[in-house]
Protein backbone atom coordinates (compact mmCIF):
# COMPACT_ATOMS: atom_id res chain seq x y z
CA UNK A 1 -77.34 22.12 -106.40
CA UNK A 2 -75.43 19.35 -104.65
CA UNK A 3 -76.29 16.52 -107.01
CA UNK A 4 -74.44 13.86 -105.15
CA UNK A 5 -76.36 14.64 -101.95
CA UNK A 6 -79.70 14.40 -103.77
CA UNK A 7 -78.71 10.95 -105.06
CA UNK A 8 -77.50 9.81 -101.68
CA UNK A 9 -80.62 11.02 -100.11
CA UNK A 10 -82.81 9.22 -102.62
CA UNK A 11 -81.03 5.86 -101.89
CA UNK A 12 -81.06 6.56 -98.06
CA UNK A 13 -84.90 6.96 -98.30
CA UNK A 14 -85.27 3.55 -99.88
CA UNK A 15 -82.86 1.98 -97.39
CA UNK A 16 -84.71 3.60 -94.59
CA UNK A 17 -87.97 1.97 -95.72
CA UNK A 18 -86.34 -1.40 -95.87
CA UNK A 19 -86.84 -1.88 -99.59
CA UNK A 20 -83.37 -1.34 -101.02
CA UNK A 21 -82.83 -4.06 -103.62
CA UNK A 22 -79.71 -6.13 -103.73
CA UNK A 23 -79.18 -8.21 -106.85
CA UNK A 24 -77.93 -11.90 -106.29
CA UNK A 25 -74.94 -12.73 -108.59
CA UNK A 26 -75.88 -16.22 -109.79
CA UNK A 27 -74.97 -18.44 -112.64
CA UNK A 28 -77.51 -21.07 -113.56
CA UNK A 29 -76.30 -24.56 -114.64
CA UNK A 30 -77.41 -25.55 -118.15
CA UNK A 31 -79.40 -28.76 -118.02
CA UNK A 32 -79.47 -28.81 -114.12
CA UNK A 33 -82.03 -26.20 -113.35
CA UNK A 34 -82.95 -25.07 -110.66
CA UNK A 35 -79.42 -25.56 -109.69
CA UNK A 36 -77.12 -22.51 -109.81
CA UNK A 37 -73.92 -21.03 -108.29
CA UNK A 38 -74.11 -17.91 -106.14
CA UNK A 39 -71.07 -15.67 -106.35
CA UNK A 40 -70.26 -13.44 -103.31
CA UNK A 41 -67.06 -11.68 -102.39
CA UNK A 42 -64.72 -14.09 -104.22
CA UNK A 43 -66.65 -17.05 -102.79
CA UNK A 44 -69.05 -19.50 -104.48
CA UNK A 45 -72.01 -21.42 -103.19
CA UNK A 46 -74.34 -23.91 -104.75
CA UNK A 47 -78.01 -22.86 -104.55
CA UNK A 48 -81.42 -23.87 -105.64
CA UNK A 49 -83.48 -21.17 -107.48
CA UNK A 50 -87.01 -20.73 -106.33
CA UNK A 51 -88.10 -17.37 -107.89
CA UNK A 52 -87.50 -17.82 -111.65
CA UNK A 53 -90.18 -16.75 -114.06
CA UNK A 54 -88.97 -19.21 -116.48
CA UNK A 55 -91.92 -21.24 -115.18
CA UNK A 56 -91.61 -24.36 -117.41
CA UNK A 57 -87.80 -24.32 -117.65
CA UNK A 58 -88.03 -23.81 -121.35
CA UNK A 59 -84.82 -21.79 -121.21
CA UNK A 60 -83.15 -25.05 -120.52
CA UNK A 61 -85.05 -27.14 -123.17
CA UNK A 62 -82.57 -28.83 -125.45
CA UNK A 63 -84.63 -28.05 -128.67
CA UNK A 64 -84.69 -24.37 -127.71
CA UNK A 65 -81.02 -24.15 -127.01
CA UNK A 66 -80.24 -26.01 -130.28
CA UNK A 67 -82.37 -23.59 -132.25
CA UNK A 68 -80.50 -20.63 -130.70
CA UNK A 69 -77.15 -22.17 -131.67
CA UNK A 70 -78.38 -22.79 -135.13
CA UNK A 71 -79.59 -19.27 -135.60
CA UNK A 72 -76.19 -17.77 -134.55
CA UNK A 73 -74.43 -20.07 -137.00
CA UNK A 74 -76.93 -19.19 -139.73
CA UNK A 75 -77.59 -15.45 -139.10
CA UNK A 76 -74.95 -14.09 -136.71
CA UNK A 77 -75.37 -12.39 -133.41
CA UNK A 78 -77.25 -9.13 -133.89
CA UNK A 79 -80.53 -8.19 -135.59
CA UNK A 80 -78.92 -5.26 -137.52
CA UNK A 81 -81.26 -2.58 -136.45
CA UNK A 82 -84.84 -1.57 -136.02
CA UNK A 83 -87.50 -3.59 -137.91
CA UNK A 84 -88.02 -0.66 -140.23
CA UNK A 85 -84.46 -0.43 -141.18
CA UNK A 86 -82.80 -3.88 -141.25
CA UNK A 87 -83.85 -5.66 -138.27
CA UNK A 88 -86.55 -8.04 -139.60
CA UNK A 89 -85.38 -11.57 -140.20
CA UNK A 90 -87.21 -14.50 -141.28
CA UNK A 91 -87.35 -15.74 -137.69
CA UNK A 92 -89.33 -12.64 -136.81
CA UNK A 93 -91.83 -13.31 -139.50
CA UNK A 94 -92.16 -16.92 -138.55
CA UNK A 95 -92.62 -16.24 -134.79
CA UNK A 96 -95.29 -13.52 -135.41
CA UNK A 97 -97.24 -16.01 -137.54
CA UNK A 98 -96.87 -18.62 -134.81
CA UNK A 99 -98.07 -16.20 -132.14
CA UNK A 100 -101.10 -15.00 -134.17
CA UNK A 101 -102.15 -18.62 -134.67
CA UNK A 102 -101.71 -19.38 -130.95
CA UNK A 103 -104.16 -16.74 -130.01
CA UNK A 104 -106.50 -17.24 -133.03
CA UNK A 105 -105.77 -13.69 -134.35
CA UNK A 106 -105.02 -12.26 -137.73
CA UNK A 107 -101.57 -10.80 -136.76
CA UNK A 108 -98.98 -10.38 -134.13
CA UNK A 109 -96.23 -7.92 -133.51
CA UNK A 110 -92.90 -8.58 -131.54
CA UNK A 111 -91.43 -6.12 -129.09
CA UNK A 112 -88.23 -6.34 -127.04
CA UNK A 113 -90.15 -6.95 -123.84
CA UNK A 114 -93.62 -7.35 -122.36
CA UNK A 115 -93.24 -3.97 -120.71
CA UNK A 116 -92.58 -2.32 -123.95
CA UNK A 117 -95.51 -4.14 -125.66
CA UNK A 118 -97.91 -2.79 -122.95
CA UNK A 119 -96.47 0.67 -122.93
CA UNK A 120 -96.25 1.17 -126.63
CA UNK A 121 -99.62 -0.37 -127.43
CA UNK A 122 -101.75 1.31 -124.79
CA UNK A 123 -100.38 4.64 -125.39
CA UNK A 124 -100.82 4.40 -129.09
CA UNK A 125 -104.44 3.36 -128.79
CA UNK A 126 -105.10 6.32 -126.52
CA UNK A 127 -103.73 8.64 -129.24
CA UNK A 128 -105.35 6.89 -132.26
CA UNK A 129 -108.82 6.58 -130.74
CA UNK A 130 -109.46 10.30 -129.93
CA UNK A 131 -110.65 10.79 -126.39
CA UNK A 132 -110.51 7.11 -125.75
CA UNK A 133 -111.28 6.13 -122.14
CA UNK A 134 -109.20 3.35 -120.81
CA UNK A 135 -110.60 1.48 -117.91
CA UNK A 136 -107.79 -0.21 -115.94
CA UNK A 137 -107.89 -2.77 -113.15
CA UNK A 138 -106.22 -1.21 -110.12
CA UNK A 139 -103.63 -4.09 -109.87
CA UNK A 140 -102.53 -3.85 -113.44
CA UNK A 141 -98.92 -4.09 -114.09
CA UNK A 142 -96.73 -0.92 -113.98
CA UNK A 143 -96.23 -1.22 -117.75
CA UNK A 144 -99.91 -0.96 -118.51
CA UNK A 145 -100.27 2.05 -116.07
CA UNK A 146 -97.35 3.78 -117.71
CA UNK A 147 -98.77 3.18 -121.25
CA UNK A 148 -102.10 4.57 -120.22
CA UNK A 149 -100.48 7.57 -118.62
CA UNK A 150 -98.27 8.36 -121.55
CA UNK A 151 -101.26 8.17 -123.94
CA UNK A 152 -102.62 11.24 -122.22
CA UNK A 153 -106.25 10.40 -122.57
CA UNK A 154 -109.09 9.88 -119.92
CA UNK A 155 -108.85 6.91 -117.71
CA UNK A 156 -110.87 5.14 -115.01
CA UNK A 157 -109.47 2.74 -112.52
CA UNK A 158 -111.80 -0.05 -111.24
CA UNK A 159 -111.40 -2.08 -108.05
CA UNK A 160 -109.53 -5.23 -108.64
CA UNK A 161 -111.62 -7.90 -110.33
CA UNK A 162 -114.79 -6.02 -109.28
CA UNK A 163 -117.03 -6.23 -112.36
CA UNK A 164 -119.84 -4.38 -110.58
CA UNK A 165 -117.59 -1.34 -110.10
CA UNK A 166 -116.37 -1.66 -113.70
CA UNK A 167 -119.97 -1.53 -114.94
CA UNK A 168 -120.73 1.51 -112.76
CA UNK A 169 -117.82 3.30 -114.50
CA UNK A 170 -118.94 2.06 -117.99
CA UNK A 171 -122.42 3.45 -117.37
CA UNK A 172 -120.83 6.91 -116.85
CA UNK A 173 -119.26 7.00 -120.28
CA UNK A 174 -121.30 7.78 -123.44
CA UNK A 175 -122.19 4.56 -125.31
CA UNK A 176 -120.63 5.93 -128.59
CA UNK A 177 -117.45 7.04 -126.88
CA UNK A 178 -114.30 4.91 -127.63
CA UNK A 179 -113.22 2.85 -124.70
CA UNK A 180 -110.76 0.10 -123.79
CA UNK A 181 -111.05 -2.29 -120.85
CA UNK A 182 -107.48 -3.30 -119.83
CA UNK A 183 -106.88 -6.18 -117.46
CA UNK A 184 -104.72 -9.22 -116.84
CA UNK A 185 -105.55 -12.90 -116.68
CA UNK A 186 -103.10 -14.08 -113.98
CA UNK A 187 -102.02 -11.43 -111.47
CA UNK A 188 -98.46 -12.42 -110.60
CA UNK A 189 -98.09 -11.24 -107.02
CA UNK A 190 -101.27 -12.78 -105.68
CA UNK A 191 -101.79 -15.64 -108.05
CA UNK A 192 -105.57 -14.82 -108.75
CA UNK A 193 -107.29 -14.71 -112.08
CA UNK A 194 -109.36 -11.95 -113.58
CA UNK A 195 -113.10 -12.47 -114.36
CA UNK A 196 -112.49 -12.68 -118.06
CA UNK A 197 -115.83 -13.90 -119.21
CA UNK A 198 -117.71 -11.21 -117.24
CA UNK A 199 -115.50 -8.47 -118.51
CA UNK A 200 -116.14 -9.59 -122.13
CA UNK A 201 -119.89 -9.46 -121.40
CA UNK A 202 -119.50 -5.90 -120.26
CA UNK A 203 -117.36 -4.85 -123.15
CA UNK A 204 -119.90 -6.18 -125.64
CA UNK A 205 -122.78 -4.51 -123.75
CA UNK A 206 -121.10 -1.06 -123.60
CA UNK A 207 -119.08 -1.13 -126.93
CA UNK A 208 -115.56 -1.37 -125.46
CA UNK A 209 -112.45 -3.07 -126.82
CA UNK A 210 -110.86 -5.72 -124.59
CA UNK A 211 -107.06 -5.61 -123.89
CA UNK A 212 -105.77 -8.66 -121.99
CA UNK A 213 -102.31 -9.00 -120.53
CA UNK A 214 -101.62 -12.79 -120.52
CA UNK A 215 -97.93 -12.39 -119.57
CA UNK A 216 -98.05 -14.84 -116.61
CA UNK A 217 -100.28 -17.29 -118.49
CA UNK A 218 -99.01 -17.76 -122.01
CA UNK A 219 -97.30 -21.12 -122.42
CA UNK A 220 -98.75 -22.25 -119.06
CA UNK A 221 -102.54 -22.54 -119.54
CA UNK A 222 -104.77 -23.71 -122.34
CA UNK A 223 -104.45 -26.79 -124.57
CA UNK A 224 -101.74 -25.17 -126.73
CA UNK A 225 -100.42 -22.74 -124.26
CA UNK A 226 -102.54 -19.84 -125.44
CA UNK A 227 -103.32 -18.67 -121.83
CA UNK A 228 -106.47 -18.25 -119.70
CA UNK A 229 -108.41 -16.93 -122.59
CA UNK A 230 -107.74 -20.06 -124.60
CA UNK A 231 -108.37 -22.34 -121.49
CA UNK A 232 -111.76 -20.71 -121.02
CA UNK A 233 -112.78 -20.55 -124.79
CA UNK A 234 -112.65 -16.80 -124.98
CA UNK A 235 -110.10 -16.08 -127.56
CA UNK A 236 -112.72 -14.86 -130.18
CA UNK A 237 -113.97 -12.32 -127.47
CA UNK A 238 -110.65 -10.67 -126.60
CA UNK A 239 -109.62 -7.96 -129.06
CA UNK A 240 -106.02 -7.51 -128.00
CA UNK A 241 -103.83 -10.02 -126.33
CA UNK A 242 -100.42 -9.08 -124.97
CA UNK A 243 -97.94 -11.61 -124.01
CA UNK A 244 -94.31 -12.31 -123.25
CA UNK A 245 -91.64 -14.68 -124.45
CA UNK A 246 -89.66 -14.31 -121.25
CA UNK A 247 -91.73 -16.43 -118.68
CA UNK A 248 -93.69 -19.49 -119.88
CA UNK A 249 -91.60 -19.53 -123.10
CA UNK A 250 -88.33 -19.11 -121.27
CA UNK A 251 -86.47 -16.63 -123.63
CA UNK A 252 -87.00 -12.81 -124.02
CA UNK A 253 -89.43 -10.36 -125.69
CA UNK A 254 -92.99 -9.31 -125.75
CA UNK A 255 -95.73 -9.24 -128.30
CA UNK A 256 -99.33 -8.32 -129.02
CA UNK A 257 -101.82 -10.38 -131.04
CA UNK A 258 -104.94 -8.77 -132.60
CA UNK A 259 -106.55 -7.92 -135.90
CA UNK A 260 -104.24 -7.16 -138.83
CA UNK A 261 -105.63 -3.70 -138.96
CA UNK A 262 -104.97 -2.92 -135.35
CA UNK A 263 -101.37 -4.51 -135.43
CA UNK A 264 -100.66 -2.37 -138.52
CA UNK A 265 -101.59 0.86 -136.75
CA UNK A 266 -99.36 -0.08 -133.64
CA UNK A 267 -96.46 -1.00 -136.02
CA UNK A 268 -96.85 2.36 -137.82
CA UNK A 269 -97.45 4.60 -134.85
CA UNK A 270 -95.76 3.35 -131.72
CA UNK A 271 -92.42 4.93 -131.02
CA UNK A 272 -91.48 2.02 -128.74
CA UNK A 273 -91.66 -0.19 -131.66
CA UNK A 274 -90.42 2.06 -134.52
CA UNK A 275 -87.24 3.24 -132.83
CA UNK A 276 -86.10 0.05 -130.93
CA UNK A 277 -83.57 -2.42 -132.25
CA UNK A 278 -85.34 -5.68 -132.83
CA UNK A 279 -84.80 -9.00 -130.97
CA UNK A 280 -81.61 -10.78 -132.01
CA UNK A 281 -82.03 -13.75 -134.37
CA UNK A 282 -80.96 -16.22 -131.75
CA UNK A 283 -83.53 -14.96 -129.25
CA UNK A 284 -86.27 -15.00 -131.93
CA UNK A 285 -85.37 -18.51 -133.00
CA UNK A 286 -85.30 -19.76 -129.47
CA UNK A 287 -88.70 -18.29 -128.80
CA UNK A 288 -90.00 -19.77 -132.02
CA UNK A 289 -88.83 -23.29 -131.02
CA UNK A 290 -90.34 -22.82 -127.49
CA UNK A 291 -93.76 -21.68 -128.79
CA UNK A 292 -93.92 -24.63 -131.32
CA UNK A 293 -92.89 -27.06 -128.60
CA UNK A 294 -95.48 -25.92 -126.09
CA UNK A 295 -98.29 -25.93 -128.71
CA UNK A 296 -97.81 -29.63 -129.04
CA UNK A 297 -96.78 -30.72 -125.53
CA UNK A 298 -98.81 -30.69 -122.35
CA UNK A 299 -96.29 -32.52 -120.27
CA UNK A 300 -94.55 -29.45 -118.90
CA UNK A 301 -97.82 -27.77 -118.01
CA UNK A 302 -99.24 -30.74 -116.20
CA UNK A 303 -96.18 -31.36 -114.04
CA UNK A 304 -95.93 -27.57 -113.42
CA UNK A 305 -99.40 -27.48 -111.93
CA UNK A 306 -98.87 -30.62 -109.90
CA UNK A 307 -95.71 -29.03 -108.34
CA UNK A 308 -97.56 -25.86 -107.48
CA UNK A 309 -100.46 -27.69 -105.83
CA UNK A 310 -98.05 -29.92 -103.79
CA UNK A 311 -95.97 -26.97 -102.53
CA UNK A 312 -98.92 -25.14 -101.35
CA UNK A 313 -100.19 -28.19 -99.68
CA UNK A 314 -97.06 -28.98 -97.52
CA UNK A 315 -96.59 -25.28 -96.78
CA UNK A 316 -100.05 -25.03 -95.40
CA UNK A 317 -99.47 -28.24 -93.42
CA UNK A 318 -96.40 -26.69 -91.95
CA UNK A 319 -98.50 -23.69 -90.73
CA UNK A 320 -96.73 -21.19 -93.10
CA UNK A 321 -98.89 -18.26 -94.17
CA UNK A 322 -99.46 -19.20 -97.76
CA UNK A 323 -101.64 -16.53 -99.48
CA UNK A 324 -104.64 -17.73 -101.47
CA UNK A 325 -103.70 -18.58 -105.01
CA UNK A 326 -105.49 -20.50 -107.66
CA UNK A 327 -102.52 -20.58 -110.08
CA UNK A 328 -98.80 -21.48 -110.11
CA UNK A 329 -97.82 -18.57 -107.98
CA UNK A 330 -97.10 -19.47 -104.34
CA UNK A 331 -96.80 -16.27 -102.27
CA UNK A 332 -96.04 -16.56 -98.50
CA UNK A 333 -96.94 -13.44 -96.45
CA UNK A 334 -94.31 -11.78 -94.19
CA UNK A 335 -95.84 -8.35 -93.87
CA UNK A 336 -92.77 -6.37 -93.03
CA UNK A 337 -90.08 -5.25 -95.58
CA UNK A 338 -87.04 -5.63 -93.17
CA UNK A 339 -88.17 -9.02 -92.10
CA UNK A 340 -88.99 -10.05 -95.65
CA UNK A 341 -85.42 -9.32 -96.67
CA UNK A 342 -84.06 -10.94 -93.64
CA UNK A 343 -85.90 -14.27 -94.31
CA UNK A 344 -84.73 -14.09 -97.87
CA UNK A 345 -81.14 -13.49 -96.96
CA UNK A 346 -81.05 -16.37 -94.32
CA UNK A 347 -82.58 -18.77 -96.89
CA UNK A 348 -79.75 -17.78 -99.30
CA UNK A 349 -76.74 -17.66 -96.91
CA UNK A 350 -77.69 -20.43 -94.49
CA UNK A 351 -79.62 -22.84 -96.61
CA UNK A 352 -78.62 -22.21 -100.22
CA UNK A 353 -82.25 -21.34 -101.23
CA UNK A 354 -82.64 -18.32 -103.48
CA UNK A 355 -85.95 -16.33 -103.45
CA UNK A 356 -86.27 -12.59 -103.73
CA UNK A 357 -88.23 -10.51 -101.18
CA UNK A 358 -91.19 -8.75 -102.76
CA UNK A 359 -91.61 -5.33 -101.29
CA UNK A 360 -93.28 -2.01 -102.04
CA UNK A 361 -93.88 -0.64 -104.71
CA UNK A 362 -94.27 -4.13 -106.36
CA UNK A 363 -96.86 -4.94 -103.66
CA UNK A 364 -98.73 -2.66 -101.21
CA UNK A 365 -97.02 -1.84 -98.03
CA UNK A 366 -97.83 -4.34 -95.20
CA UNK A 367 -98.19 -7.22 -97.70
CA UNK A 368 -94.49 -7.86 -98.23
CA UNK A 369 -93.98 -11.46 -99.21
CA UNK A 370 -91.78 -14.22 -100.64
CA UNK A 371 -93.00 -15.35 -103.95
CA UNK A 372 -92.14 -18.92 -104.91
CA UNK A 373 -92.50 -20.27 -108.39
CA UNK A 374 -92.16 -24.04 -108.46
CA UNK A 375 -91.42 -25.49 -111.87
CA UNK A 376 -91.23 -29.04 -113.38
CA UNK A 377 -87.75 -29.50 -112.11
CA UNK A 378 -88.63 -28.81 -108.45
CA UNK A 379 -89.06 -32.25 -107.21
CA UNK A 380 -90.72 -33.25 -103.88
CA UNK A 381 -87.40 -33.62 -102.05
CA UNK A 382 -86.52 -29.95 -102.92
CA UNK A 383 -89.88 -28.83 -101.75
CA UNK A 384 -89.53 -30.53 -98.31
CA UNK A 385 -85.97 -28.92 -97.82
CA UNK A 386 -87.55 -25.59 -98.64
CA UNK A 387 -90.43 -25.97 -96.21
CA UNK A 388 -88.14 -27.20 -93.43
CA UNK A 389 -85.80 -24.18 -93.98
CA UNK A 390 -88.80 -21.78 -93.89
CA UNK A 391 -90.09 -23.45 -90.70
CA UNK A 392 -86.74 -23.11 -89.05
CA UNK A 393 -86.47 -19.38 -89.89
CA UNK A 394 -90.09 -18.61 -88.97
CA UNK A 395 -89.43 -20.02 -85.53
CA UNK A 396 -86.19 -18.29 -85.11
CA UNK A 397 -87.70 -14.81 -86.00
CA UNK A 398 -91.00 -15.49 -84.21
CA UNK A 399 -92.97 -14.77 -87.40
CA UNK A 400 -96.65 -15.14 -87.50
CA UNK A 401 -97.94 -18.61 -88.50
CA UNK A 402 -101.20 -19.37 -90.40
CA UNK A 403 -104.27 -19.69 -88.25
C-alpha cells in the first residue's frame, strides 16, 4: 500500500471541502487579555482574541496565577503518575471536595479533560449497568457520543431539546430497564439551553438517571457558578454532573460530581481515569483557586452577561446575521466553509481580530459560522471595532445580511 498517498488523499479531501484547519500561532499577554501577539513567517502582529473559551478571563486572574506559582514552589512541576500510583496530591483532594460542594453532591472525580470525563464515565456506566439504554440528545458533544459508543450498549438519539420525542423513546423501553438520559445545559455552538426541568420530570417518571454536561455553564451561571442546574434550582434532581476546569474556570481538566457510590465505581472501573497521569499540582492549585473565587464573586459573571447582550445588540443593529442565542455564545452565520475561513482570515490579517471559523463536523454543513465569546475584558470600544470590521468584510464579500 502507498501509505503516503493515502495520507495525502485524506488531507486533500478535507481541503477540498473547505474545512482544513490552520492553527493560529499566538501568545497571550498576561494581565492584558484579550490582547495577544500573532506570529506568522517571522513577523509579529498585535491582535485581539475573540474566540477564547476562558470565558471569565480566570486564566489571567492574579489569585489563580499566584496559586499556581506557589504550587510549583511547594510541590514541583509534575504530578508523579496516575492517581492510583503516586499522582494524588492534597490539591487534588481539596479540589474534588470543592467541586462536590459546588454541585451539592457527595463526591467528585478529576480527569485530565472534560472530553475524557465524558468518555470515561458514560462508557463505564454502560458496562456497569448491564444492557443500560443511554438516551442522547442529537447535538451532544463528540465526547459524549464517543463514550456512549465505546460502552457498547443500546442507545437512543432524541431530537435536540425535544422532550416529546424523548418521552416517546422512553415509553418504548421497559420501565425496570436501566437507562440514562444524557444531555447538555448550554450547547456551545448555538448558545441555547436544554430543557433541564422537563427532562428531570421524565427521568423520574420513567426511572432513568440524569447525566448533565455543564461544560459551558460551570463558573458562568448560578449564584456560586454551579451552572444552569444551580441557577434553576435543580441540583438535587441531577444524578451526574460533568464539568470542565478549562472554560469558565480558566485552567485545564474535567470532572464529574455525583453520589459517592457512583464516583467510586467510575474511579475503580474507567480506564480513562485509571491509566492516565493526573493533573499537575500547579494546574490543580490554579483550578482550586478559581473555583473558590467564583463561588464568592458574581462580578465576573455579571459583566460577562452584559458584554454578551451588548455585542448581540450592536451586531443585530448592523444587520449582521447573529444566530439566536440566550447565553454568552454569540454565533454569526456565514453558511459556507470557504467563505467562513475567508472572513476569519481577513479579520486576522487585515484588522488584527482573531476568531476561528466553525465548520463541519463541529456544526452541520450549511451552518458554518463565526463564534464570538465576549468576556469581561472586551469593552464597548473593542466591540464596535469588531462590528465595523465585520460590516466592511460583509460588504466586500457580498455576504447575506440579516432580514
